[in-house]
Amino acid sequence: MTADPTGHRFPLRTDHASAEIAQVGAALRALTVDGVDLVPRYADDAPTPAASGVVLVPWPNRIRDGRYTFDGVERQLAISEPALGNASHGLLRFGTYQPIEHTADRLVLGADVVPQTGYPFHLRTRVTFALQPDGLHVTHVIENVGATVAPVALGVHPYLQIGGVDTADLVVQSTGTTTLVLDDRKIPVDEVSVDETNDLRAGRRLGDASLDNGYRGLERDAEGHARHTLTAPDGRVVELWQDDGFRWAQVFTTDRYPGQPLAVAIEPMTAPANAFASGLDLDTLDPGASLTREWGIVFHS
């Protein structure tokens, strides 16, 4: 018998919803509301594809050459994206989280980012998944348990769908007013106002778009939440919201998700690509300090 490459799976269930969280990467493997799959599934014997649903800590996206300077000291991270020469998607993408609490509708997973090459800081992370009748509420807590100030950024990488609807026919809407210009290594070189190719404020059919854009200037509601939606032709909507600590959102489309002609990820991020090097929106945690960030998925049928 071969082992599951995504580790142990933790099921959650209410009367109207179910979810499954993988131990590796604390990845959201499945989410269903009223029988509708909101996350694209993949084979039981496959590793998590395309960072599907994983937690990205202590940085999301990429760091050019894996190099950055913090507190006057130059650091060199391992290159985890050799094709482009970057350090990619943090240090827990393939980490094995441990269960702290698991009930029918609630799961708490924990994992430490231990001091290592290029990141000599020690973080304790906790992720709480609370299943709701109409979706999922996720809370992240990151604590600096080391002896020195630590640079921290956080992202998550959920792919979304409305089961039974061709993703190409979904209309994506998001309120970002600026987006990043990337070089051929997918590293930001400029931030510009959105234009006709990437402005999602009025909605855009995914089959007519090719997106790998980090957005800022997101519209916020009274709670400080930014909201992104995918709308089906029949009016059903899957919504992803993010709190005001998630300052950025990456919208990414791909034809390389297994079993999906087209897939879309909407990724809340506290900081953009290359933030360790640029310092843009990078958080720092003093020893003993912590930060909390929240996001969620809601289905409107």
Protein backbone atom coordinates (compact mmCIF):
# COMPACT_ATOMS: atom_id res chain seq x y z
CA MET A 1 0.00 0.00 0.00
CA THR A 2 1.42 3.37 -1.01
CA ALA A 3 1.18 6.47 1.18
CA ASP A 4 -0.98 9.44 0.25
CA PRO A 5 1.42 12.12 -1.08
CA THR A 6 -0.79 14.83 0.49
CA GLY A 7 -0.66 13.17 3.93
CA HIS A 8 -3.62 12.51 6.17
CA ARG A 9 -6.91 14.04 5.06
CA PHE A 10 -9.18 15.76 7.54
CA PRO A 11 -12.90 15.76 6.66
CA LEU A 12 -15.32 18.45 7.80
CA ARG A 13 -19.10 18.24 7.48
CA THR A 14 -22.32 20.11 8.27
CA ASP A 15 -25.85 19.42 7.05
CA HIS A 16 -25.29 21.47 3.89
CA ALA A 17 -21.53 21.54 3.36
CA SER A 18 -18.41 19.39 3.44
CA ALA A 19 -14.70 19.99 3.07
CA GLU A 20 -11.45 18.07 3.07
CA ILE A 21 -8.10 19.47 4.22
CA ALA A 22 -4.79 17.79 3.39
CA GLN A 23 -2.03 17.50 5.97
CA VAL A 24 0.68 18.53 3.49
CA GLY A 25 0.60 22.30 3.03
CA ALA A 26 -2.68 22.54 5.02
CA ALA A 27 -4.20 22.40 1.54
CA LEU A 28 -7.89 22.81 0.83
CA ARG A 29 -8.54 19.66 -1.23
CA ALA A 30 -12.32 19.89 -1.48
CA LEU A 31 -15.25 22.13 -0.58
CA THR A 32 -18.88 21.33 -1.39
CA VAL A 33 -22.03 23.31 -0.58
CA ASP A 34 -25.48 21.88 -1.31
CA GLY A 35 -23.87 19.23 -3.50
CA VAL A 36 -21.90 21.71 -5.62
CA ASP A 37 -18.10 21.34 -5.76
CA LEU A 38 -16.45 24.74 -5.26
CA VAL A 39 -12.86 23.47 -5.47
CA PRO A 40 -11.58 21.35 -8.40
CA ARG A 41 -10.65 17.85 -7.30
CA TYR A 42 -7.57 15.87 -8.33
CA ALA A 43 -6.51 12.24 -8.21
CA ASP A 44 -6.27 10.54 -4.83
CA ASP A 45 -2.76 9.24 -5.57
CA ALA A 46 -1.37 12.56 -6.90
CA PRO A 47 0.67 15.19 -5.07
CA THR A 48 -1.02 18.56 -4.72
CA PRO A 49 -0.95 20.09 -8.23
CA ALA A 50 -0.11 23.72 -8.96
CA ALA A 51 0.00 24.63 -5.23
CA SER A 52 -3.73 23.88 -5.07
CA GLY A 53 -5.15 25.24 -1.83
CA VAL A 54 -1.85 25.37 0.05
CA VAL A 55 -0.74 27.89 2.67
CA LEU A 56 2.23 30.02 1.56
CA VAL A 57 4.37 31.15 4.49
CA PRO A 58 6.64 32.99 5.29
CA TRP A 59 6.20 34.42 1.80
CA PRO A 60 3.80 33.94 -1.12
CA ASN A 61 4.75 33.92 -4.78
CA ARG A 62 8.45 34.41 -5.61
CA ILE A 63 11.72 35.95 -4.46
CA ARG A 64 14.19 36.76 -7.22
CA ASP A 65 17.32 34.59 -6.92
CA GLY A 66 16.17 33.73 -3.38
CA ARG A 67 18.11 36.76 -2.16
CA TYR A 68 17.07 39.48 0.23
CA THR A 69 18.52 41.74 2.90
CA PHE A 70 16.88 42.03 6.29
CA ASP A 71 18.13 44.03 9.26
CA GLY A 72 21.31 44.76 7.33
CA VAL A 73 22.17 41.11 6.69
CA GLU A 74 22.10 39.52 3.23
CA ARG A 75 20.32 36.17 3.08
CA GLN A 76 20.24 33.41 0.46
CA LEU A 77 17.23 31.08 0.32
CA ALA A 78 17.19 27.74 -1.44
CA ILE A 79 16.07 28.00 -5.07
CA SER A 80 12.82 26.05 -5.23
CA GLU A 81 11.87 27.17 -8.76
CA PRO A 82 15.02 26.28 -10.72
CA ALA A 83 13.50 27.01 -14.14
CA LEU A 84 13.16 30.70 -13.23
CA GLY A 85 15.84 30.92 -10.55
CA ASN A 86 13.48 31.94 -7.75
CA ALA A 87 12.58 30.91 -4.22
CA SER A 88 8.90 30.12 -4.59
CA HIS A 89 5.81 29.84 -2.38
CA GLY A 90 7.40 29.86 1.07
CA LEU A 91 8.78 27.11 3.28
CA LEU A 92 5.69 25.11 4.26
CA ARG A 93 4.23 24.33 0.83
CA PHE A 94 5.34 20.72 1.32
CA GLY A 95 5.38 20.87 5.11
CA THR A 96 3.44 18.33 7.17
CA TYR A 97 0.99 20.05 9.51
CA GLN A 98 -0.12 18.43 12.75
CA PRO A 99 -3.72 18.38 14.03
CA ILE A 100 -4.37 20.37 17.19
CA GLU A 101 -8.17 20.17 17.19
CA HIS A 102 -10.58 18.30 14.94
CA THR A 103 -14.35 18.22 15.33
CA ALA A 104 -17.13 17.61 12.80
CA ASP A 105 -17.01 21.17 11.46
CA ARG A 106 -13.74 22.63 12.75
CA LEU A 107 -10.06 21.83 12.23
CA VAL A 108 -6.94 23.45 13.65
CA LEU A 109 -3.60 22.53 12.09
CA GLY A 110 -0.18 23.67 13.24
CA ALA A 111 3.34 23.75 11.81
CA ASP A 112 6.54 25.59 12.64
CA VAL A 113 8.80 27.38 10.22
CA VAL A 114 12.10 26.43 11.83
CA PRO A 115 15.39 28.31 11.37
CA GLN A 116 17.05 27.15 8.17
CA THR A 117 19.23 28.22 5.26
CA GLY A 118 18.32 31.77 4.29
CA TYR A 119 15.61 32.10 6.95
CA PRO A 120 17.16 31.93 10.44
CA PHE A 121 13.86 32.82 12.13
CA HIS A 122 11.38 30.66 14.02
CA LEU A 123 7.64 31.00 13.43
CA ARG A 124 4.76 29.01 14.92
CA THR A 125 1.78 28.88 12.59
CA ARG A 126 -1.81 27.81 13.19
CA VAL A 127 -4.58 27.48 10.60
CA THR A 128 -8.22 27.11 11.65
CA PHE A 129 -10.79 25.87 9.15
CA ALA A 130 -14.40 26.45 10.27
CA LEU A 131 -17.01 24.96 7.98
CA GLN A 132 -20.15 27.06 7.55
CA PRO A 133 -23.52 26.08 6.03
CA ASP A 134 -22.63 28.18 2.97
CA GLY A 135 -18.85 27.82 2.83
CA LEU A 136 -15.63 28.01 4.80
CA HIS A 137 -13.99 30.51 7.20
CA VAL A 138 -10.19 30.29 7.57
CA THR A 139 -8.07 31.98 10.25
CA HIS A 140 -4.26 32.12 10.27
CA VAL A 141 -2.18 32.95 13.33
CA ILE A 142 1.59 33.37 12.99
CA GLU A 143 3.73 33.85 16.11
CA ASN A 144 7.42 34.68 16.28
CA VAL A 145 8.81 32.18 18.79
CA GLY A 146 12.41 33.03 17.96
CA ALA A 147 14.83 35.47 19.55
CA THR A 148 15.04 38.08 16.75
CA VAL A 149 12.69 40.19 14.64
CA ALA A 150 11.40 38.17 11.67
CA PRO A 151 10.13 39.19 8.21
CA VAL A 152 6.75 37.62 7.45
CA ALA A 153 4.32 37.48 4.55
CA LEU A 154 1.41 35.10 4.05
CA GLY A 155 -0.62 33.86 1.13
CA VAL A 156 -3.03 31.08 0.27
CA HIS A 157 -3.59 29.46 -3.11
CA PRO A 158 -7.19 28.21 -3.49
CA TYR A 159 -8.58 27.27 -6.88
CA LEU A 160 -12.31 27.86 -7.28
CA GLN A 161 -15.06 26.58 -9.54
CA ILE A 162 -18.80 26.02 -9.65
CA GLY A 163 -19.26 22.32 -10.22
CA GLY A 164 -21.01 21.43 -13.46
CA VAL A 165 -20.16 24.78 -15.08
CA ASP A 166 -17.31 25.19 -17.54
CA THR A 167 -14.83 27.49 -15.82
CA ALA A 168 -14.38 29.33 -19.12
CA ASP A 169 -18.01 30.47 -18.81
CA LEU A 170 -17.60 31.92 -15.32
CA VAL A 171 -17.32 35.69 -14.96
CA VAL A 172 -14.62 36.82 -12.55
CA GLN A 173 -15.03 40.14 -10.76
CA SER A 174 -12.45 41.77 -8.51
CA THR A 175 -11.95 45.37 -7.46
CA GLY A 176 -8.19 45.90 -7.75
CA THR A 177 -7.21 49.25 -9.23
CA THR A 178 -3.50 48.58 -9.76
CA THR A 179 -1.63 45.51 -10.94
CA LEU A 180 1.98 44.41 -11.13
CA VAL A 181 4.03 44.23 -14.33
CA LEU A 182 6.14 41.06 -14.32
CA ASP A 183 9.39 40.24 -16.08
CA ASP A 184 10.12 36.90 -17.75
CA ARG A 185 10.92 35.40 -14.33
CA LYS A 186 7.52 36.43 -12.93
CA ILE A 187 9.09 39.07 -10.70
CA PRO A 188 7.43 42.53 -10.44
CA VAL A 189 9.21 45.37 -12.19
CA ASP A 190 6.44 47.98 -11.96
CA GLU A 191 2.97 48.67 -10.56
CA VAL A 192 0.47 50.30 -12.92
CA SER A 193 -3.21 51.11 -13.16
CA VAL A 194 -5.34 48.29 -14.50
CA ASP A 195 -6.19 48.42 -18.21
CA GLU A 196 -8.57 46.72 -20.64
CA THR A 197 -6.58 43.45 -20.53
CA ASN A 198 -6.66 42.98 -16.75
CA ASP A 199 -9.35 45.24 -15.26
CA LEU A 200 -11.78 42.91 -13.46
CA ARG A 201 -13.97 45.52 -11.78
CA ALA A 202 -16.83 45.17 -14.27
CA GLY A 203 -16.39 41.42 -14.59
CA ARG A 204 -14.66 39.37 -17.26
CA ARG A 205 -15.46 35.97 -18.74
CA LEU A 206 -12.59 33.66 -17.83
CA GLY A 207 -12.52 32.04 -21.25
CA ASP A 208 -11.66 35.46 -22.69
CA ALA A 209 -8.87 36.20 -20.20
CA SER A 210 -5.31 35.09 -19.50
CA LEU A 211 -4.38 36.24 -16.01
CA ASP A 212 -1.41 36.07 -13.67
CA ASN A 213 -1.89 39.38 -11.94
CA GLY A 214 -1.24 40.69 -8.46
CA TYR A 215 -3.83 43.37 -7.59
CA ARG A 216 -3.80 46.13 -5.00
CA GLY A 217 -6.20 48.98 -4.24
CA LEU A 218 -8.99 46.52 -3.48
CA GLU A 219 -12.37 47.96 -2.53
CA ARG A 220 -13.26 47.21 1.10
CA ASP A 221 -16.60 46.93 2.88
CA ALA A 222 -17.42 48.19 6.37
CA GLU A 223 -15.65 45.16 7.87
CA GLY A 224 -12.51 45.83 5.85
CA HIS A 225 -13.15 42.83 3.62
CA ALA A 226 -12.32 42.72 -0.08
CA ARG A 227 -14.49 40.38 -2.15
CA HIS A 228 -13.90 38.52 -5.41
CA THR A 229 -16.61 36.58 -7.23
CA LEU A 230 -17.06 33.96 -9.91
CA THR A 231 -20.56 34.07 -11.42
CA ALA A 232 -22.14 31.29 -13.47
CA PRO A 233 -24.49 31.96 -16.41
CA ASP A 234 -27.41 30.82 -14.21
CA GLY A 235 -26.60 33.46 -11.57
CA ARG A 236 -24.97 31.25 -8.94
CA VAL A 237 -21.91 32.84 -7.33
CA VAL A 238 -18.86 31.62 -5.44
CA GLU A 239 -17.26 34.43 -3.46
CA LEU A 240 -13.85 34.65 -1.84
CA TRP A 241 -13.38 37.35 0.80
CA GLN A 242 -10.19 38.49 2.53
CA ASP A 243 -9.61 40.73 5.53
CA ASP A 244 -7.67 43.99 5.47
CA GLY A 245 -4.42 42.27 6.49
CA PHE A 246 -4.47 40.58 3.09
CA ARG A 247 -3.57 43.70 1.11
CA TRP A 248 -3.14 41.96 -2.25
CA ALA A 249 -4.87 39.34 -4.37
CA GLN A 250 -3.33 37.28 -7.15
CA VAL A 251 -5.69 36.08 -9.88
CA PHE A 252 -4.18 33.25 -11.90
CA THR A 253 -5.59 31.20 -14.78
CA THR A 254 -3.99 28.02 -16.10
CA ASP A 255 -4.60 25.15 -18.50
CA ARG A 256 -2.17 22.94 -16.56
CA TYR A 257 -4.45 21.88 -13.70
CA PRO A 258 -5.06 18.12 -14.10
CA GLY A 259 -8.47 17.26 -15.47
CA GLN A 260 -9.40 20.91 -16.01
CA PRO A 261 -9.24 22.61 -19.43
CA LEU A 262 -9.11 25.88 -17.51
CA ALA A 263 -8.64 26.56 -13.81
CA VAL A 264 -8.56 29.79 -11.81
CA ALA A 265 -6.91 30.56 -8.49
CA ILE A 266 -7.78 33.62 -6.40
CA GLU A 267 -4.99 34.08 -3.88
CA PRO A 268 -5.20 36.42 -0.88
CA MET A 269 -1.71 37.73 -0.05
CA THR A 270 -0.44 40.07 2.65
CA ALA A 271 2.40 41.18 0.37
CA PRO A 272 3.23 40.82 -3.32
CA ALA A 273 5.86 38.77 -5.10
CA ASN A 274 9.46 39.64 -4.15
CA ALA A 275 8.38 41.44 -0.98
CA PHE A 276 11.36 40.12 1.00
CA ALA A 277 13.61 41.97 -1.44
CA SER A 278 11.44 45.04 -2.09
CA GLY A 279 10.03 45.44 1.42
CA LEU A 280 6.64 46.30 -0.09
CA ASP A 281 3.91 45.59 2.48
CA LEU A 282 6.23 43.18 4.32
CA ASP A 283 5.24 42.54 7.93
CA THR A 284 7.81 42.19 10.72
CA LEU A 285 7.22 40.36 13.97
CA ASP A 286 9.09 41.06 17.18
CA PRO A 287 9.92 38.08 19.40
CA GLY A 288 6.70 36.94 21.08
CA ALA A 289 4.48 38.95 18.74
CA SER A 290 1.85 37.43 16.46
CA LEU A 291 -0.45 38.38 13.62
CA THR A 292 -3.87 37.09 12.62
CA ARG A 293 -5.34 37.05 9.12
CA GLU A 294 -8.70 35.75 7.88
CA TRP A 295 -10.37 34.82 4.60
CA GLY A 296 -13.23 32.66 3.44
CA ILE A 297 -15.34 31.19 0.67
CA VAL A 298 -19.13 31.64 0.40
CA PHE A 299 -21.53 30.07 -2.09
CA HIS A 300 -24.61 32.01 -3.17
CA SER A 301 -27.04 29.65 -4.85
